[in-house]
Amino acid sequence: MEKKDFEAWLDNISVTFLSLTDLQKNETLDHLISLSGAVQLRHLSNNLEILLKRDFLKLLPLELSFYLLKWLDPQTLLTCCLVSKQWNKVISACTEVWQTACKNLGWQIDDSVQDPLHWKKVYLKAILRMKQLKDHEAFETSSLIGHSARVYALYYKDGLLCTGSDDLSAKLWDVSTGQCIYGIQTHTCAAVKFDEQKLVTGSFDNTIACWEWSSGAKTQHFRGHTGAVFSVDYNDELDILVSGSADFTVKVWALSTGTCLNTLTGHTEWVTKVVLQKCKVKSLMHSPGDYILLSADKYEIKIWPIGREINCKCLKTLSVSEDRSISLQPRLHFDGKYIVCSSALGLYQWDFASYDILRVIKPPDFSNVSLLGFGEIFALLFDNRYLYIMDLRTEKLISRWPLPEYRKSKRGSSFLAGEMSWLNGLNGQNDMGLVFATSMPDHSIHLVLWKEHG
């Protein structure tokens, strides 16, 4: 058939075909297929694959592809990477997709890093760590042995753990190696805090002392409390030391001279925790940059300004029950923006700017759970049997780790959290080192540590 005649015939049959019903069109195609030879069937097969299996990621502009991919969960995205080299290239190039996936897992994101392959690798590392947490395989344990009597005081900083004991000694340990770096003779220690040069101890003998690590010499002695000193904090810049005692008072001292600058009264129970912290928010009572003192007893948290005036007035008293029917658990979190403490009713978070309760978190069977650490993403909690990690965005417990029969302390000094930065979001670098430490009945220290990445 001539080309001209063929084109006329094809136009005519096309018009007729379009006028048919769907059923008639199908019958027509079936008939034409039955008349076709191998060449026609092969041609039909090749073109049908192109028409029916259109690769939308290849056809769409890259911006639209990225927009669609953002609606898929990460696990589906990883599966999609296996479809073809083109799909893997497009999916792996979408920085925002992998950044969002990491954020959803509770990972810290540095938006200045725009390399998509970096974020895909971070996500793969993140999902492995989260699986380990879920499967209770993220941690490992070890022990520090060296004290000959009960260990009452613990303090952790930058990979080093200080322990104070009734054996009249304090020891400084490298957590990563388990080696004792310093051991000095002290009084009985109920509280310890240290830096590179010195150790400050609060004692059951009602005094506070400052010691030099290198020589073991006592450089300062603070006398004035009439009860055991359960908590100490200090700031070299302010030249101030604060202490909380069983005599129901908080004292403010000159760190360099040992002079008592102020005695704060108002507590009616043992003061088990004092925190000296810089304020990060503005309110009617304080400005960003002001130093604030918090003191806590069994029922109340008191907030004080830091100054050298004698008649220092309490700014605010916080509690969870006016009739004192509910007591606060040991441990207190204050980061300059929020105050957090646990009780039998749940985990209480106060806004430091307004002193209002922002939320009360009530997971199941919370009556015996104590707070160890609180961040933007995670909280670290524990009870008599387990260490818990809570995702604060959902208020669900995402992991737990069994604990041995550790020494109980109503004051909360014989246990503590280790590294804390991961509570604001994991980043693949901060999930290492110490997670939790507690003293044991056999005078050893039980450590829970992050296990290295698989």
Protein backbone atom coordinates (compact mmCIF):
# COMPACT_ATOMS: atom_id res chain seq x y z
CA MET A 1 0.00 0.00 0.00
CA GLU A 2 1.28 3.40 -0.93
CA LYS A 3 2.27 5.74 1.93
CA LYS A 4 -0.46 8.24 1.01
CA ASP A 5 -3.13 5.58 0.91
CA PHE A 6 -1.83 4.07 4.18
CA GLU A 7 -2.00 7.39 6.00
CA ALA A 8 -5.58 7.94 4.78
CA TRP A 9 -6.56 4.44 5.86
CA LEU A 10 -4.90 4.96 9.29
CA ASP A 11 -6.72 8.28 9.83
CA ASN A 12 -10.03 6.68 8.92
CA ILE A 13 -9.56 3.68 11.20
CA SER A 14 -8.38 5.94 14.05
CA VAL A 15 -11.58 7.99 13.86
CA THR A 16 -13.64 4.80 13.83
CA PHE A 17 -11.64 3.29 16.74
CA LEU A 18 -12.18 6.38 18.91
CA SER A 19 -15.95 6.10 18.41
CA LEU A 20 -16.07 2.56 19.79
CA THR A 21 -16.96 1.60 23.34
CA ASP A 22 -14.23 0.33 25.66
CA LEU A 23 -15.45 -3.23 25.18
CA GLN A 24 -15.35 -2.85 21.38
CA LYS A 25 -11.88 -1.33 21.57
CA ASN A 26 -10.67 -4.32 23.60
CA GLU A 27 -12.18 -6.78 21.11
CA THR A 28 -10.55 -4.90 18.23
CA LEU A 29 -7.13 -5.01 19.94
CA ASP A 30 -7.55 -8.73 20.71
CA HIS A 31 -8.31 -9.37 17.05
CA LEU A 32 -5.32 -7.35 15.83
CA ILE A 33 -3.01 -9.14 18.30
CA SER A 34 -4.25 -12.52 17.01
CA LEU A 35 -3.31 -11.45 13.47
CA SER A 36 0.16 -10.22 14.49
CA GLY A 37 3.42 -12.04 13.93
CA ALA A 38 6.56 -12.19 16.10
CA VAL A 39 7.89 -8.85 14.88
CA GLN A 40 4.66 -7.05 15.77
CA LEU A 41 4.34 -8.74 19.18
CA ARG A 42 7.93 -7.80 20.10
CA HIS A 43 7.27 -4.21 19.03
CA LEU A 44 4.09 -4.17 21.12
CA SER A 45 5.87 -5.55 24.21
CA ASN A 46 8.65 -2.97 24.09
CA ASN A 47 6.29 -0.03 23.74
CA LEU A 48 3.85 -1.24 26.39
CA GLU A 49 6.66 -1.36 28.99
CA ILE A 50 7.50 2.28 28.26
CA LEU A 51 3.83 3.36 28.35
CA LEU A 52 2.82 1.43 31.47
CA LYS A 53 6.00 1.70 33.57
CA ARG A 54 6.77 5.38 33.40
CA ASP A 55 9.63 6.42 35.67
CA PHE A 56 8.23 9.51 37.37
CA LEU A 57 11.51 10.30 39.16
CA LYS A 58 13.23 10.48 35.77
CA LEU A 59 10.44 12.49 34.14
CA LEU A 60 9.72 15.00 36.93
CA PRO A 61 11.85 18.08 37.66
CA LEU A 62 14.25 17.40 40.54
CA GLU A 63 12.46 19.85 42.87
CA LEU A 64 9.13 18.00 42.41
CA SER A 65 10.85 14.65 42.95
CA PHE A 66 12.28 15.90 46.25
CA TYR A 67 8.87 17.20 47.31
CA LEU A 68 7.26 13.80 46.69
CA LEU A 69 10.07 11.92 48.40
CA LYS A 70 9.62 13.94 51.59
CA TRP A 71 6.28 12.20 52.14
CA LEU A 72 7.86 8.74 52.29
CA ASP A 73 9.18 7.21 55.49
CA PRO A 74 12.93 6.51 55.59
CA GLN A 75 12.59 2.74 55.46
CA THR A 76 10.55 3.02 52.25
CA LEU A 77 13.17 5.41 50.85
CA LEU A 78 15.91 2.87 51.48
CA THR A 79 13.83 0.28 49.63
CA CYS A 80 13.30 2.74 46.75
CA CYS A 81 17.07 3.16 46.49
CA LEU A 82 17.17 -0.45 45.25
CA VAL A 83 14.80 0.16 42.29
CA SER A 84 17.48 1.48 39.94
CA LYS A 85 20.71 3.46 39.83
CA GLN A 86 18.70 6.54 38.78
CA TRP A 87 16.36 6.25 41.79
CA ASN A 88 19.26 5.71 44.16
CA LYS A 89 21.01 8.79 42.73
CA VAL A 90 17.94 11.02 43.07
CA ILE A 91 16.97 9.80 46.56
CA SER A 92 20.53 9.98 47.85
CA ALA A 93 20.81 13.57 46.56
CA CYS A 94 17.87 14.88 48.62
CA THR A 95 19.49 16.49 51.67
CA GLU A 96 16.23 17.57 53.29
CA VAL A 97 14.79 14.06 53.14
CA TRP A 98 17.65 12.56 55.15
CA GLN A 99 17.92 15.51 57.52
CA THR A 100 14.20 15.15 58.32
CA ALA A 101 14.62 11.40 58.79
CA CYS A 102 17.44 12.03 61.28
CA LYS A 103 15.40 14.65 63.15
CA ASN A 104 12.50 12.23 63.47
CA LEU A 105 14.84 9.77 65.19
CA GLY A 106 15.90 12.43 67.69
CA TRP A 107 19.18 13.31 66.01
CA GLN A 108 20.83 16.73 66.17
CA ILE A 109 21.09 18.38 62.75
CA ASP A 110 23.76 20.84 61.64
CA ASP A 111 21.96 22.64 58.80
CA SER A 112 25.24 24.08 57.52
CA VAL A 113 26.23 20.59 56.28
CA GLN A 114 24.46 20.17 52.94
CA ASP A 115 26.13 17.00 51.67
CA PRO A 116 23.21 14.57 51.14
CA LEU A 117 25.43 11.48 51.26
CA HIS A 118 26.64 12.62 54.68
CA TRP A 119 23.08 12.75 55.99
CA LYS A 120 22.17 9.42 54.45
CA LYS A 121 25.15 7.86 56.26
CA VAL A 122 24.16 9.64 59.49
CA TYR A 123 20.63 8.24 59.14
CA LEU A 124 21.92 4.70 58.63
CA LYS A 125 24.10 5.11 61.72
CA ALA A 126 21.18 6.63 63.64
CA ILE A 127 18.73 3.88 62.80
CA LEU A 128 21.25 1.27 63.97
CA ARG A 129 21.68 3.05 67.33
CA MET A 130 17.92 3.45 67.78
CA LYS A 131 17.44 -0.25 67.05
CA GLN A 132 20.07 -1.07 69.66
CA LEU A 133 18.20 1.08 72.19
CA LYS A 134 14.90 -0.61 71.35
CA ASP A 135 16.46 -4.07 71.59
CA HIS A 136 18.25 -3.20 74.89
CA GLU A 137 21.67 -3.67 73.28
CA ALA A 138 23.04 -0.10 73.30
CA PHE A 139 24.89 -0.25 76.64
CA GLU A 140 27.51 -2.27 78.47
CA THR A 141 28.60 -2.33 82.12
CA SER A 142 31.80 -2.21 84.14
CA SER A 143 32.89 -1.63 87.75
CA LEU A 144 35.37 0.57 89.60
CA ILE A 145 36.94 -1.12 92.64
CA GLY A 146 39.11 0.64 95.19
CA HIS A 147 37.12 1.96 98.17
CA SER A 148 36.94 0.02 101.43
CA ALA A 149 33.72 1.57 102.81
CA ARG A 150 30.42 2.83 101.47
CA VAL A 151 30.59 5.40 98.65
CA TYR A 152 28.11 8.19 99.27
CA ALA A 153 29.19 10.93 96.88
CA LEU A 154 29.59 10.91 93.09
CA TYR A 155 30.32 13.67 90.58
CA TYR A 156 31.05 13.33 86.84
CA LYS A 157 32.71 15.73 84.41
CA ASP A 158 34.48 15.35 81.04
CA GLY A 159 35.13 11.62 81.23
CA LEU A 160 36.25 11.72 84.88
CA LEU A 161 34.28 10.40 87.85
CA CYS A 162 34.95 11.51 91.43
CA THR A 163 33.90 9.27 94.31
CA GLY A 164 33.81 10.19 98.01
CA SER A 165 33.64 7.48 100.64
CA ASP A 166 33.30 6.74 104.34
CA ASP A 167 36.83 5.32 104.14
CA LEU A 168 37.95 8.98 104.45
CA SER A 169 39.14 9.21 100.88
CA ALA A 170 38.12 10.66 97.54
CA LYS A 171 39.22 9.16 94.24
CA LEU A 172 39.25 10.47 90.68
CA TRP A 173 38.70 7.85 87.98
CA ASP A 174 39.14 7.80 84.20
CA VAL A 175 35.87 6.17 83.17
CA SER A 176 37.17 4.97 79.78
CA THR A 177 40.06 2.99 81.30
CA GLY A 178 38.78 2.34 84.81
CA GLN A 179 42.06 3.66 86.22
CA CYS A 180 42.27 5.75 89.40
CA ILE A 181 44.11 9.01 88.58
CA TYR A 182 44.17 10.58 92.04
CA GLY A 183 43.40 9.33 95.52
CA ILE A 184 43.52 11.73 98.47
CA GLN A 185 42.73 11.48 102.17
CA THR A 186 39.64 13.52 103.13
CA HIS A 187 36.86 13.56 105.69
CA THR A 188 33.66 11.54 105.21
CA CYS A 189 32.15 12.75 101.94
CA ALA A 190 28.42 13.35 101.47
CA ALA A 191 28.93 15.52 98.35
CA VAL A 192 31.80 16.19 95.92
CA LYS A 193 32.51 18.53 93.00
CA PHE A 194 35.82 19.02 91.21
CA ASP A 195 37.72 20.73 88.41
CA GLU A 196 41.25 20.29 87.04
CA GLN A 197 42.98 21.74 90.11
CA LYS A 198 40.72 21.21 93.09
CA LEU A 199 38.12 19.07 94.80
CA VAL A 200 35.35 20.50 97.00
CA THR A 201 33.75 18.11 99.51
CA GLY A 202 30.68 18.40 101.73
CA SER A 203 30.89 16.18 104.76
CA PHE A 204 28.86 14.39 107.41
CA ASP A 205 31.08 16.27 109.91
CA ASN A 206 29.07 19.45 109.07
CA THR A 207 31.96 21.13 107.22
CA ILE A 208 33.08 21.76 103.66
CA ALA A 209 36.67 21.49 102.49
CA CYS A 210 38.64 22.39 99.39
CA TRP A 211 41.54 20.10 98.39
CA GLU A 212 44.34 20.27 95.85
CA TRP A 213 44.47 17.20 93.61
CA SER A 214 48.20 17.24 92.92
CA SER A 215 49.31 17.36 96.56
CA GLY A 216 46.23 16.20 98.45
CA ALA A 217 46.55 19.29 100.67
CA LYS A 218 43.49 20.95 102.22
CA THR A 219 43.49 24.55 100.93
CA GLN A 220 40.30 25.80 102.57
CA HIS A 221 37.90 24.74 105.34
CA PHE A 222 34.34 26.08 105.60
CA ARG A 223 32.77 25.86 109.08
CA GLY A 224 29.32 27.02 110.10
CA HIS A 225 26.69 24.37 109.35
CA THR A 226 25.24 22.46 112.28
CA GLY A 227 24.19 19.44 110.21
CA ALA A 228 25.68 17.22 107.50
CA VAL A 229 26.41 19.00 104.20
CA PHE A 230 24.54 17.09 101.50
CA SER A 231 25.22 19.24 98.42
CA VAL A 232 27.80 21.76 97.20
CA ASP A 233 28.23 23.90 94.10
CA TYR A 234 30.67 26.66 93.25
CA ASN A 235 31.69 29.21 90.63
CA ASP A 236 35.28 30.45 90.34
CA GLU A 237 34.25 33.54 88.37
CA LEU A 238 31.95 34.68 91.19
CA ASP A 239 34.31 33.41 93.89
CA ILE A 240 31.25 31.82 95.48
CA LEU A 241 30.52 28.40 96.98
CA VAL A 242 27.01 27.34 98.03
CA SER A 243 26.03 24.46 100.30
CA GLY A 244 22.86 22.69 101.42
CA SER A 245 22.66 21.00 104.78
CA ALA A 246 20.66 18.81 107.17
CA ASP A 247 20.36 21.92 109.38
CA PHE A 248 17.66 23.16 106.90
CA THR A 249 19.85 26.06 105.67
CA VAL A 250 21.68 27.08 102.54
CA LYS A 251 24.95 28.95 103.01
CA VAL A 252 26.79 31.18 100.56
CA TRP A 253 30.58 31.34 101.06
CA ALA A 254 33.52 33.22 99.61
CA LEU A 255 35.34 30.40 97.82
CA SER A 256 38.83 31.88 98.21
CA THR A 257 38.66 32.85 101.91
CA GLY A 258 36.12 30.46 103.44
CA THR A 259 34.07 33.35 104.85
CA CYS A 260 30.30 32.80 105.17
CA LEU A 261 28.60 35.59 103.22
CA ASN A 262 24.99 34.60 103.74
CA THR A 263 22.77 32.03 105.43
CA LEU A 264 19.48 31.39 103.61
CA THR A 265 16.62 30.10 105.74
CA GLY A 266 13.10 28.94 104.96
CA HIS A 267 13.51 25.21 104.34
CA THR A 268 11.85 22.94 106.88
CA GLU A 269 13.53 19.72 105.69
CA TRP A 270 17.08 18.64 104.86
CA VAL A 271 18.41 20.63 101.91
CA THR A 272 19.59 17.82 99.65
CA LYS A 273 20.44 19.75 96.48
CA VAL A 274 21.86 23.17 95.60
CA VAL A 275 22.47 24.35 92.02
CA LEU A 276 24.30 27.51 91.00
CA GLN A 277 23.41 28.31 87.38
CA LYS A 278 23.35 31.22 84.95
CA CYS A 279 19.85 32.32 83.91
CA LYS A 280 19.05 32.19 80.15
CA VAL A 281 15.61 33.87 80.09
CA LYS A 282 14.12 37.21 81.11
CA SER A 283 11.41 37.65 83.72
CA LEU A 284 10.26 40.22 86.27
CA MET A 285 12.75 38.82 88.79
CA HIS A 286 15.85 38.11 86.71
CA SER A 287 17.61 38.81 83.41
CA PRO A 288 19.63 36.61 81.08
CA GLY A 289 23.15 36.26 82.46
CA ASP A 290 22.12 36.58 86.11
CA TYR A 291 23.33 33.81 88.38
CA ILE A 292 20.55 31.99 90.19
CA LEU A 293 20.69 29.63 93.16
CA LEU A 294 18.23 26.75 93.46
CA SER A 295 17.85 24.70 96.63
CA ALA A 296 15.63 21.67 97.11
CA ASP A 297 14.35 19.66 100.03
CA LYS A 298 11.88 16.81 100.29
CA TYR A 299 8.87 18.98 99.37
CA GLU A 300 10.01 22.33 97.95
CA ILE A 301 12.36 23.96 95.45
CA LYS A 302 13.41 27.49 96.39
CA ILE A 303 14.84 30.06 93.98
CA TRP A 304 17.28 32.72 95.27
CA PRO A 305 19.18 35.61 93.73
CA ILE A 306 22.93 35.47 94.19
CA GLY A 307 24.33 38.48 96.03
CA ARG A 308 26.31 39.41 99.08
CA GLU A 309 23.43 41.15 100.85
CA ILE A 310 22.63 39.64 104.24
CA ASN A 311 18.83 39.70 104.07
CA CYS A 312 18.49 37.76 100.82
CA LYS A 313 14.82 37.06 99.96
CA CYS A 314 13.59 33.91 98.26
CA LEU A 315 12.26 34.76 94.80
CA LYS A 316 9.88 31.81 94.51
CA THR A 317 9.00 28.48 96.14
CA LEU A 318 7.86 25.61 93.91
CA SER A 319 6.08 22.47 95.05
CA VAL A 320 3.77 19.80 93.63
CA SER A 321 1.31 19.68 96.56
CA GLU A 322 0.35 22.43 98.98
CA ASP A 323 -0.42 20.01 101.82
CA ARG A 324 2.94 18.23 101.41
CA SER A 325 1.20 14.96 100.67
CA ILE A 326 3.52 14.39 97.69
CA SER A 327 7.29 14.50 98.09
CA LEU A 328 9.90 15.28 95.44
CA GLN A 329 12.26 12.57 94.28
CA PRO A 330 16.02 13.15 94.62
CA ARG A 331 17.69 14.98 91.72
CA LEU A 332 16.90 18.29 90.13
CA HIS A 333 17.44 19.56 86.58
CA PHE A 334 17.99 23.26 85.85
CA ASP A 335 19.53 24.51 82.59
CA GLY A 336 18.74 28.21 82.91
CA LYS A 337 15.41 27.87 81.06
CA TYR A 338 13.53 25.04 82.73
CA ILE A 339 13.36 23.42 86.14
CA VAL A 340 12.48 19.72 86.14
CA CYS A 341 11.90 17.40 89.07
CA SER A 342 10.07 14.10 89.54
CA SER A 343 7.55 13.05 92.15
CA ALA A 344 5.08 10.22 92.67
CA LEU A 345 2.66 12.19 90.47
CA GLY A 346 5.01 12.35 87.51
CA LEU A 347 7.72 14.48 85.95
CA TYR A 348 7.15 18.23 86.49
CA GLN A 349 8.59 20.85 84.15
CA TRP A 350 8.48 24.53 85.16
CA ASP A 351 9.17 27.48 82.87
CA PHE A 352 11.84 29.55 84.60
CA ALA A 353 10.67 32.83 83.05
CA SER A 354 7.14 32.58 84.49
CA TYR A 355 7.51 29.80 87.12
CA ASP A 356 4.44 28.19 85.53
CA ILE A 357 4.19 24.43 85.19
CA LEU A 358 4.59 23.70 81.47
CA ARG A 359 3.66 20.04 81.64
CA VAL A 360 3.40 17.00 83.84
CA ILE A 361 4.57 13.76 82.25
CA LYS A 362 2.87 10.69 83.68
CA PRO A 363 4.16 7.42 82.26
CA PRO A 364 2.71 4.19 83.67
CA ASP A 365 3.79 3.15 87.16
CA PHE A 366 5.76 6.35 87.76
CA SER A 367 5.59 6.28 91.56
CA ASN A 368 9.15 5.04 92.09
CA VAL A 369 10.87 6.63 89.10
CA SER A 370 13.55 9.29 89.64
CA LEU A 371 14.99 11.84 87.24
CA LEU A 372 18.61 11.59 86.15
CA GLY A 373 18.75 13.90 83.14
CA PHE A 374 16.40 16.00 81.01
CA GLY A 375 17.01 17.43 77.53
CA GLU A 376 15.20 18.76 74.48
CA ILE A 377 14.58 15.28 73.02
CA PHE A 378 15.23 12.63 75.67
CA ALA A 379 14.98 12.17 79.44
CA LEU A 380 17.00 9.67 81.45
CA LEU A 381 15.08 8.06 84.35
CA PHE A 382 15.50 5.10 86.66
CA ASP A 383 13.84 3.09 89.40
CA ASN A 384 14.91 0.16 91.57
CA ARG A 385 15.19 -2.19 88.61
CA TYR A 386 15.80 -0.34 85.35
CA LEU A 387 17.38 2.64 83.66
CA TYR A 388 14.87 4.22 81.23
CA ILE A 389 15.12 6.50 78.19
CA MET A 390 12.02 8.54 77.37
CA ASP A 391 11.33 10.34 74.10
CA LEU A 392 9.97 13.65 75.40
CA ARG A 393 8.21 14.38 72.09
CA THR A 394 5.89 11.41 72.55
CA GLU A 395 6.38 10.90 76.31
CA LYS A 396 6.94 7.20 75.61
CA LEU A 397 9.67 5.01 77.06
CA ILE A 398 11.85 3.85 74.16
CA SER A 399 14.47 1.82 76.01
CA ARG A 400 15.33 0.28 79.36
CA TRP A 401 18.42 -1.31 80.84
CA PRO A 402 18.52 -3.62 83.89
CA LEU A 403 20.23 -2.35 87.04
CA PRO A 404 21.75 -4.41 89.86
CA GLU A 405 20.78 -4.04 93.51
CA TYR A 406 22.49 -0.69 94.02
CA ARG A 407 22.80 1.27 97.28
CA LYS A 408 19.64 3.31 97.93
CA SER A 409 19.97 6.97 98.93
CA LYS A 410 17.10 9.25 99.89
CA ARG A 411 19.30 12.22 99.05
CA GLY A 412 20.16 11.06 95.55
CA SER A 413 23.90 11.50 95.85
CA SER A 414 24.94 7.89 95.35
CA PHE A 415 23.83 7.78 91.70
CA LEU A 416 24.15 10.13 88.75
CA ALA A 417 23.96 10.51 84.98
CA GLY A 418 27.13 10.68 82.90
CA GLU A 419 27.35 12.46 79.56
CA MET A 420 24.26 14.65 79.07
CA SER A 421 24.57 16.28 75.63
CA TRP A 422 22.84 13.37 73.87
CA LEU A 423 19.62 14.20 75.75
CA ASN A 424 19.31 17.21 73.41
CA GLY A 425 19.58 14.87 70.43
CA LEU A 426 22.04 12.20 69.38
CA ASN A 427 24.52 13.10 66.64
CA GLY A 428 26.61 9.97 66.16
CA GLN A 429 29.43 11.43 68.24
CA ASN A 430 27.87 12.08 71.67
CA ASP A 431 26.59 8.53 72.22
CA MET A 432 29.77 7.37 73.92
CA GLY A 433 31.17 7.30 77.41
CA LEU A 434 29.33 7.14 80.72
CA VAL A 435 25.53 6.92 80.86
CA PHE A 436 24.94 6.13 84.56
CA ALA A 437 26.93 5.40 87.72
CA THR A 438 25.86 4.20 91.14
CA SER A 439 27.54 2.92 94.30
CA MET A 440 27.08 -0.71 95.28
CA PRO A 441 26.75 -2.45 98.68
CA ASP A 442 30.23 -3.99 98.16
CA HIS A 443 31.70 -0.44 97.93
CA SER A 444 32.36 -0.71 94.17
CA ILE A 445 30.95 1.67 91.54
CA HIS A 446 28.65 0.20 88.88
CA LEU A 447 28.97 1.93 85.49
CA VAL A 448 26.61 1.83 82.51
CA LEU A 449 28.41 2.89 79.33
CA TRP A 450 27.48 3.40 75.69
CA LYS A 451 28.50 0.42 73.60
CA GLU A 452 30.56 1.30 70.51
CA HIS A 453 28.67 1.47 67.23
CA GLY A 454 28.31 -1.81 65.39
